[in-house]
Amino acid sequence: MNQRSLHPFAWWSWGIGIAITASQSPGTPALILLCISAAVVVFSKKSDQPWAKAFSIGIRLGLIAFVIRMIIGVSLSVPIPGNTLFTLPTIPLPDWMAGIRIGGPVTSERLSITATEGLTFFTLILAIAAASALANPKQGLRALPGVMHQAGVALIIATTLIPHFVMSIQRVKQARRLRGDQQRIAFRKIAVPIFEDSLQRAINLGAAMESRGYGFNDSATGRRFGSQILLSSVVAITIGISLFLAAINGAAIAFGFGIALLAVGLVVANKSTKRTRYRPQIWKGAEWIVLATSITLISLIIYKNQSTLTTSAIFILAISPIFVAPKEKQMITGVKL
């Protein structure tokens, strides 16, 4: 019996919890521990599916963001007094840019602040990449509310065909190598088989969906009513945000009314869309534990306490999914005899 996968929304709640914690500047030790916990959880729970490579891509993007932030922080920034390490050539700027300089003395305090900000960017990117590597995108799209049915179908098909498209390119290149074709730039020889394979796969997918009666039957009246409520909720939320930014009384009432309308609109729109679910996602105790740890992690950082006990608690909460989450299912590559 195959072990089930953790609900993708639970993985995203864990990743968002790490990202929110990192955005609140918990300190350099806490940021390092968050990165370590994300890496440990990913490498212990990821599968060999194509989306599992998102974490390695996130590491590269995070390193690029860290280097760019260090370059900008050293070369272009506001002067910070302290212990001068070295001095860069200064480029004069216009008077309207007073307070900002290019070059000049680089202090240890300036490097420390810049490194912490760069590490924060790195942790944010790593948290999103970790959630992307662990959460099955097809399962997540299937778990979307009924009002997002059409968008979910389109995205499921897109995320399903993209890995096959990459595999088709690799298969065509391998076939050319086996035939002794050493030409590197051969767009026509690669594109034609790939497009033919993609077209045949799209035809097969459409035939399979039609043979299974894939589709939905909704109520036009309920759909229109739900759309009107959703539109009203967006207007109310926009008014609430505008009142909040303008410091006018009544912002909380308008925002709360908009959230209530949004919930009602989603319920009405979901009821108007009738569809069957194939292998629906299950939300069990492991998902509740992961969600609870994410909420606790966010609540803990709100107090802005950077003590050793708080840092240790952040690491324990961030790494807790390794103890409760099942390992993602592996891709079947052969036939069991």
Protein backbone atom coordinates (compact mmCIF):
# COMPACT_ATOMS: atom_id res chain seq x y z
CA MET A 1 0.00 0.00 0.00
CA ASN A 2 1.46 3.38 -0.99
CA GLN A 3 1.98 5.94 1.69
CA ARG A 4 -0.08 9.06 1.19
CA SER A 5 1.48 12.46 0.63
CA LEU A 6 1.02 15.43 2.91
CA HIS A 7 -1.62 17.88 1.73
CA PRO A 8 0.02 20.55 -0.48
CA PHE A 9 -1.73 23.35 1.42
CA ALA A 10 -0.04 22.11 4.61
CA TRP A 11 3.35 22.36 2.94
CA TRP A 12 2.56 25.86 1.73
CA SER A 13 1.46 26.92 5.23
CA TRP A 14 4.82 25.67 6.52
CA GLY A 15 6.77 27.54 3.82
CA ILE A 16 4.77 30.74 4.31
CA GLY A 17 5.34 30.49 8.07
CA ILE A 18 9.11 30.34 7.53
CA ALA A 19 8.94 33.25 5.08
CA ILE A 20 6.93 35.44 7.46
CA THR A 21 9.30 34.60 10.31
CA ALA A 22 12.32 35.53 8.19
CA SER A 23 10.72 38.81 7.11
CA GLN A 24 10.42 39.95 10.73
CA SER A 25 14.24 40.10 11.17
CA PRO A 26 14.61 37.43 13.89
CA GLY A 27 18.41 37.78 13.87
CA THR A 28 21.25 36.16 11.96
CA PRO A 29 21.37 32.91 14.02
CA ALA A 30 17.63 32.39 13.56
CA LEU A 31 17.87 33.02 9.80
CA ILE A 32 20.69 30.49 9.46
CA LEU A 33 18.69 27.92 11.45
CA LEU A 34 15.62 28.54 9.27
CA CYS A 35 17.69 27.84 6.14
CA ILE A 36 19.11 24.68 7.71
CA SER A 37 15.68 23.44 8.78
CA ALA A 38 14.20 24.07 5.31
CA ALA A 39 17.07 22.15 3.67
CA VAL A 40 16.79 19.22 6.11
CA VAL A 41 13.02 18.90 5.64
CA VAL A 42 13.26 19.12 1.85
CA PHE A 43 16.06 16.58 1.44
CA SER A 44 14.36 14.12 3.80
CA LYS A 45 10.81 14.42 2.42
CA LYS A 46 11.10 15.34 -1.26
CA SER A 47 10.30 12.92 -4.06
CA ASP A 48 11.96 12.45 -7.44
CA GLN A 49 9.17 14.29 -9.26
CA PRO A 50 10.14 17.21 -11.54
CA TRP A 51 8.93 19.90 -9.12
CA ALA A 52 11.36 18.64 -6.45
CA LYS A 53 14.13 20.44 -8.36
CA ALA A 54 12.60 23.78 -7.33
CA PHE A 55 14.69 23.79 -4.14
CA SER A 56 18.03 23.65 -5.94
CA ILE A 57 16.83 26.41 -8.27
CA GLY A 58 15.76 28.43 -5.22
CA ILE A 59 19.23 28.07 -3.70
CA ARG A 60 20.80 29.52 -6.85
CA LEU A 61 18.31 32.39 -6.99
CA GLY A 62 18.83 33.09 -3.29
CA LEU A 63 22.60 33.22 -3.70
CA ILE A 64 22.21 35.61 -6.63
CA ALA A 65 19.92 37.85 -4.54
CA PHE A 66 22.42 37.74 -1.65
CA VAL A 67 25.35 38.74 -3.87
CA ILE A 68 23.38 41.55 -5.52
CA ARG A 69 22.31 42.89 -2.11
CA MET A 70 25.92 42.83 -0.89
CA ILE A 71 27.15 44.66 -3.99
CA ILE A 72 24.46 47.34 -3.68
CA GLY A 73 24.97 47.64 0.08
CA VAL A 74 28.72 48.15 -0.28
CA SER A 75 28.75 50.42 -3.32
CA LEU A 76 25.51 52.41 -2.91
CA SER A 77 24.03 53.11 0.50
CA VAL A 78 23.52 55.59 3.31
CA PRO A 79 26.72 56.29 5.32
CA ILE A 80 26.87 54.30 8.56
CA PRO A 81 29.50 55.30 11.13
CA GLY A 82 31.67 52.65 12.73
CA ASN A 83 34.91 50.75 12.33
CA THR A 84 36.20 51.43 8.78
CA LEU A 85 37.45 48.30 6.99
CA PHE A 86 38.34 49.78 3.60
CA THR A 87 37.46 52.78 1.44
CA LEU A 88 36.06 52.80 -2.09
CA PRO A 89 36.39 55.67 -4.58
CA THR A 90 33.56 58.15 -4.06
CA ILE A 91 31.44 59.32 -7.00
CA PRO A 92 29.71 62.70 -6.47
CA LEU A 93 25.92 62.74 -6.75
CA PRO A 94 23.43 65.60 -7.35
CA ASP A 95 22.21 67.70 -4.43
CA TRP A 96 18.72 66.21 -4.60
CA MET A 97 20.27 62.83 -3.68
CA ALA A 98 21.76 64.15 -0.44
CA GLY A 99 22.33 61.44 2.15
CA ILE A 100 23.13 58.73 -0.43
CA ARG A 101 26.61 58.11 -1.78
CA ILE A 102 28.41 55.78 -4.16
CA GLY A 103 31.58 54.39 -2.68
CA GLY A 104 33.25 55.88 0.37
CA PRO A 105 34.34 54.18 3.59
CA VAL A 106 32.89 50.73 4.24
CA THR A 107 32.42 49.99 7.93
CA SER A 108 31.94 46.66 9.67
CA GLU A 109 28.51 47.81 10.86
CA ARG A 110 27.53 48.53 7.27
CA LEU A 111 28.69 45.08 6.12
CA SER A 112 26.88 43.41 9.03
CA ILE A 113 23.55 45.12 8.26
CA THR A 114 23.87 44.40 4.54
CA ALA A 115 24.73 40.74 5.14
CA THR A 116 21.72 40.33 7.44
CA GLU A 117 19.41 41.87 4.85
CA GLY A 118 20.89 39.66 2.12
CA LEU A 119 20.45 36.59 4.32
CA THR A 120 16.83 37.59 4.87
CA PHE A 121 16.25 37.70 1.10
CA PHE A 122 17.98 34.33 0.76
CA THR A 123 15.77 32.77 3.46
CA LEU A 124 12.58 34.16 1.90
CA ILE A 125 13.45 32.67 -1.49
CA LEU A 126 14.51 29.39 0.13
CA ALA A 127 11.22 29.09 2.05
CA ILE A 128 9.10 29.49 -1.09
CA ALA A 129 11.37 27.12 -3.01
CA ALA A 130 11.08 24.52 -0.23
CA ALA A 131 7.28 24.66 -0.31
CA SER A 132 7.34 24.41 -4.12
CA ALA A 133 9.62 21.36 -3.97
CA LEU A 134 7.47 19.50 -1.43
CA ALA A 135 3.91 20.44 -2.44
CA ASN A 136 2.51 18.47 -5.35
CA PRO A 137 1.21 21.19 -7.72
CA LYS A 138 -1.34 18.89 -9.37
CA GLN A 139 -2.80 17.88 -6.01
CA GLY A 140 -2.86 21.50 -4.90
CA LEU A 141 -4.74 22.61 -8.00
CA ARG A 142 -7.24 19.78 -7.57
CA ALA A 143 -7.90 20.99 -4.01
CA LEU A 144 -8.82 24.51 -5.15
CA PRO A 145 -12.39 25.73 -4.51
CA GLY A 146 -14.99 25.02 -7.17
CA VAL A 147 -15.12 28.67 -8.19
CA MET A 148 -11.55 28.25 -9.50
CA HIS A 149 -12.44 25.10 -11.43
CA GLN A 150 -11.62 26.32 -14.93
CA ALA A 151 -8.34 27.95 -13.90
CA GLY A 152 -7.41 24.79 -12.02
CA VAL A 153 -8.05 22.59 -15.07
CA ALA A 154 -5.87 24.80 -17.28
CA LEU A 155 -3.05 24.91 -14.74
CA ILE A 156 -3.19 21.15 -14.11
CA ILE A 157 -2.86 20.46 -17.82
CA ALA A 158 0.01 22.98 -18.11
CA THR A 159 1.94 21.58 -15.13
CA THR A 160 1.40 18.05 -16.43
CA LEU A 161 2.60 18.73 -19.98
CA ILE A 162 5.63 20.89 -19.15
CA PRO A 163 7.66 18.00 -17.59
CA HIS A 164 6.68 15.76 -20.53
CA PHE A 165 7.85 18.47 -22.93
CA VAL A 166 11.28 18.54 -21.24
CA MET A 167 11.44 14.74 -21.34
CA SER A 168 10.58 14.82 -25.06
CA ILE A 169 13.53 17.14 -25.72
CA GLN A 170 15.88 14.82 -23.84
CA ARG A 171 14.49 11.77 -25.66
CA VAL A 172 14.95 13.37 -29.09
CA LYS A 173 18.51 14.46 -28.26
CA GLN A 174 19.39 10.97 -27.05
CA ALA A 175 17.94 9.42 -30.22
CA ARG A 176 20.05 11.79 -32.35
CA ARG A 177 23.19 10.86 -30.42
CA LEU A 178 22.47 7.14 -30.88
CA ARG A 179 22.13 7.71 -34.63
CA GLY A 180 25.53 9.42 -34.68
CA ASP A 181 24.17 12.90 -35.40
CA GLN A 182 26.71 15.29 -33.87
CA GLN A 183 25.19 18.51 -35.19
CA ARG A 184 24.67 20.86 -32.22
CA ILE A 185 22.30 23.40 -33.72
CA ALA A 186 19.51 21.48 -35.43
CA PHE A 187 16.28 23.26 -34.67
CA ARG A 188 14.29 21.53 -37.39
CA LYS A 189 15.46 18.05 -36.41
CA ILE A 190 14.50 18.64 -32.77
CA ALA A 191 11.42 20.84 -33.11
CA VAL A 192 9.43 18.68 -35.53
CA PRO A 193 9.51 15.46 -33.40
CA ILE A 194 8.82 17.45 -30.24
CA PHE A 195 5.82 19.29 -31.69
CA GLU A 196 4.50 16.05 -33.19
CA ASP A 197 4.83 14.30 -29.81
CA SER A 198 3.17 17.24 -28.00
CA LEU A 199 0.27 17.30 -30.48
CA GLN A 200 -0.30 13.56 -30.13
CA ARG A 201 -0.20 13.85 -26.33
CA ALA A 202 -2.73 16.71 -26.40
CA ILE A 203 -5.08 14.66 -28.62
CA ASN A 204 -4.78 11.68 -26.29
CA LEU A 205 -5.45 13.89 -23.26
CA GLY A 206 -8.56 15.41 -24.85
CA ALA A 207 -9.87 11.97 -25.82
CA ALA A 208 -9.23 10.62 -22.32
CA MET A 209 -11.03 13.58 -20.70
CA GLU A 210 -13.98 13.25 -23.06
CA SER A 211 -14.26 9.49 -22.53
CA ARG A 212 -14.43 10.04 -18.78
CA GLY A 213 -17.09 12.72 -19.09
CA TYR A 214 -14.75 15.34 -17.66
CA GLY A 215 -16.54 18.65 -17.25
CA PHE A 216 -18.86 20.49 -14.93
CA ASN A 217 -22.51 21.48 -14.73
CA ASP A 218 -23.23 24.69 -12.92
CA SER A 219 -26.21 26.88 -12.20
CA ALA A 220 -26.18 30.10 -14.22
CA THR A 221 -28.27 31.92 -11.60
CA GLY A 222 -26.07 30.80 -8.71
CA ARG A 223 -22.93 31.62 -10.66
CA ARG A 224 -24.09 35.16 -11.40
CA PHE A 225 -25.16 35.71 -7.80
CA GLY A 226 -21.85 34.41 -6.48
CA SER A 227 -19.91 36.60 -8.92
CA GLN A 228 -21.85 39.67 -7.78
CA ILE A 229 -21.06 38.91 -4.13
CA LEU A 230 -17.37 38.38 -4.92
CA LEU A 231 -17.23 41.66 -6.83
CA SER A 232 -18.89 43.46 -3.90
CA SER A 233 -16.37 41.92 -1.50
CA VAL A 234 -13.46 43.20 -3.62
CA VAL A 235 -14.98 46.70 -3.60
CA ALA A 236 -15.50 46.62 0.19
CA ILE A 237 -11.95 45.36 0.84
CA THR A 238 -10.54 48.06 -1.44
CA ILE A 239 -12.51 50.73 0.43
CA GLY A 240 -11.27 49.36 3.76
CA ILE A 241 -7.64 49.46 2.62
CA SER A 242 -8.08 52.99 1.26
CA LEU A 243 -9.59 54.19 4.55
CA PHE A 244 -6.75 52.55 6.46
CA LEU A 245 -4.07 54.24 4.33
CA ALA A 246 -5.86 57.59 4.68
CA ALA A 247 -6.18 57.13 8.47
CA ILE A 248 -9.98 57.52 8.35
CA ASN A 249 -12.31 55.84 10.83
CA GLY A 250 -14.31 52.85 9.61
CA ALA A 251 -11.48 51.04 7.85
CA ALA A 252 -11.78 47.95 10.06
CA ILE A 253 -15.56 47.77 9.54
CA ALA A 254 -15.27 48.02 5.75
CA PHE A 255 -12.44 45.49 5.62
CA GLY A 256 -14.27 43.03 7.89
CA PHE A 257 -17.46 43.41 5.84
CA GLY A 258 -15.48 42.72 2.67
CA ILE A 259 -13.93 39.57 4.16
CA ALA A 260 -17.39 38.34 5.20
CA LEU A 261 -18.75 38.97 1.70
CA LEU A 262 -15.76 37.15 0.24
CA ALA A 263 -16.46 34.06 2.36
CA VAL A 264 -20.17 34.10 1.44
CA GLY A 265 -19.35 34.58 -2.25
CA LEU A 266 -16.96 31.63 -2.26
CA VAL A 267 -19.56 29.40 -0.61
CA VAL A 268 -22.31 30.41 -3.06
CA ALA A 269 -20.02 30.08 -6.08
CA ASN A 270 -18.80 26.65 -4.94
CA LYS A 271 -22.36 25.39 -4.52
CA SER A 272 -23.28 26.57 -8.01
CA THR A 273 -20.42 24.51 -9.50
CA LYS A 274 -21.12 20.78 -9.38
CA ARG A 275 -18.17 18.51 -10.01
CA THR A 276 -16.91 15.13 -8.95
CA ARG A 277 -13.54 14.66 -7.26
CA TYR A 278 -11.13 11.94 -8.28
CA ARG A 279 -9.11 10.84 -5.25
CA PRO A 280 -9.86 13.93 -3.11
CA GLN A 281 -7.14 15.28 -0.86
CA ILE A 282 -7.30 14.17 2.77
CA TRP A 283 -6.60 16.55 5.66
CA LYS A 284 -5.62 14.51 8.71
CA GLY A 285 -3.71 14.95 11.94
CA ALA A 286 -0.32 15.44 10.28
CA GLU A 287 -1.67 18.40 8.32
CA TRP A 288 -3.15 19.98 11.45
CA ILE A 289 0.19 19.58 13.27
CA VAL A 290 2.11 21.25 10.42
CA LEU A 291 -0.43 24.08 10.28
CA ALA A 292 -0.29 24.52 14.08
CA THR A 293 3.52 24.69 14.07
CA SER A 294 3.42 27.32 11.32
CA ILE A 295 0.94 29.46 13.28
CA THR A 296 3.00 29.03 16.45
CA LEU A 297 6.14 30.03 14.56
CA ILE A 298 4.51 33.24 13.32
CA SER A 299 3.07 34.02 16.77
CA LEU A 300 6.45 33.46 18.42
CA ILE A 301 8.26 35.97 16.21
CA ILE A 302 5.66 38.70 16.75
CA TYR A 303 7.09 39.34 20.24
CA LYS A 304 10.45 40.40 18.69
CA ASN A 305 12.35 38.42 21.30
CA GLN A 306 15.81 37.40 20.02
CA SER A 307 16.89 35.33 23.01
CA THR A 308 18.61 31.96 22.71
CA LEU A 309 15.44 30.18 23.85
CA THR A 310 13.38 31.87 21.13
CA THR A 311 15.97 30.99 18.46
CA SER A 312 15.95 27.35 19.57
CA ALA A 313 12.15 27.28 19.53
CA ILE A 314 12.14 28.72 15.98
CA PHE A 315 14.45 25.95 14.79
CA ILE A 316 12.39 23.20 16.48
CA LEU A 317 9.12 24.51 15.03
CA ALA A 318 10.60 24.95 11.55
CA ILE A 319 12.02 21.42 11.44
CA SER A 320 8.99 19.75 13.07
CA PRO A 321 7.41 18.53 9.75
CA ILE A 322 10.25 16.04 9.42
CA PHE A 323 8.73 14.05 12.31
CA VAL A 324 5.06 14.01 11.23
CA ALA A 325 4.95 14.40 7.43
CA PRO A 326 5.06 11.25 5.29
CA LYS A 327 7.68 11.05 2.58
CA GLU A 328 6.46 12.08 -0.85
CA LYS A 329 5.64 9.27 -3.26
CA GLN A 330 8.40 8.28 -5.64
CA MET A 331 8.03 8.13 -9.40
CA ILE A 332 7.58 4.61 -10.74
CA THR A 333 10.31 4.00 -13.32
CA GLY A 334 9.94 0.25 -13.93
CA VAL A 335 7.59 -2.69 -13.84
CA LYS A 336 7.48 -4.89 -10.78
CA LEU A 337 7.71 -8.56 -11.70
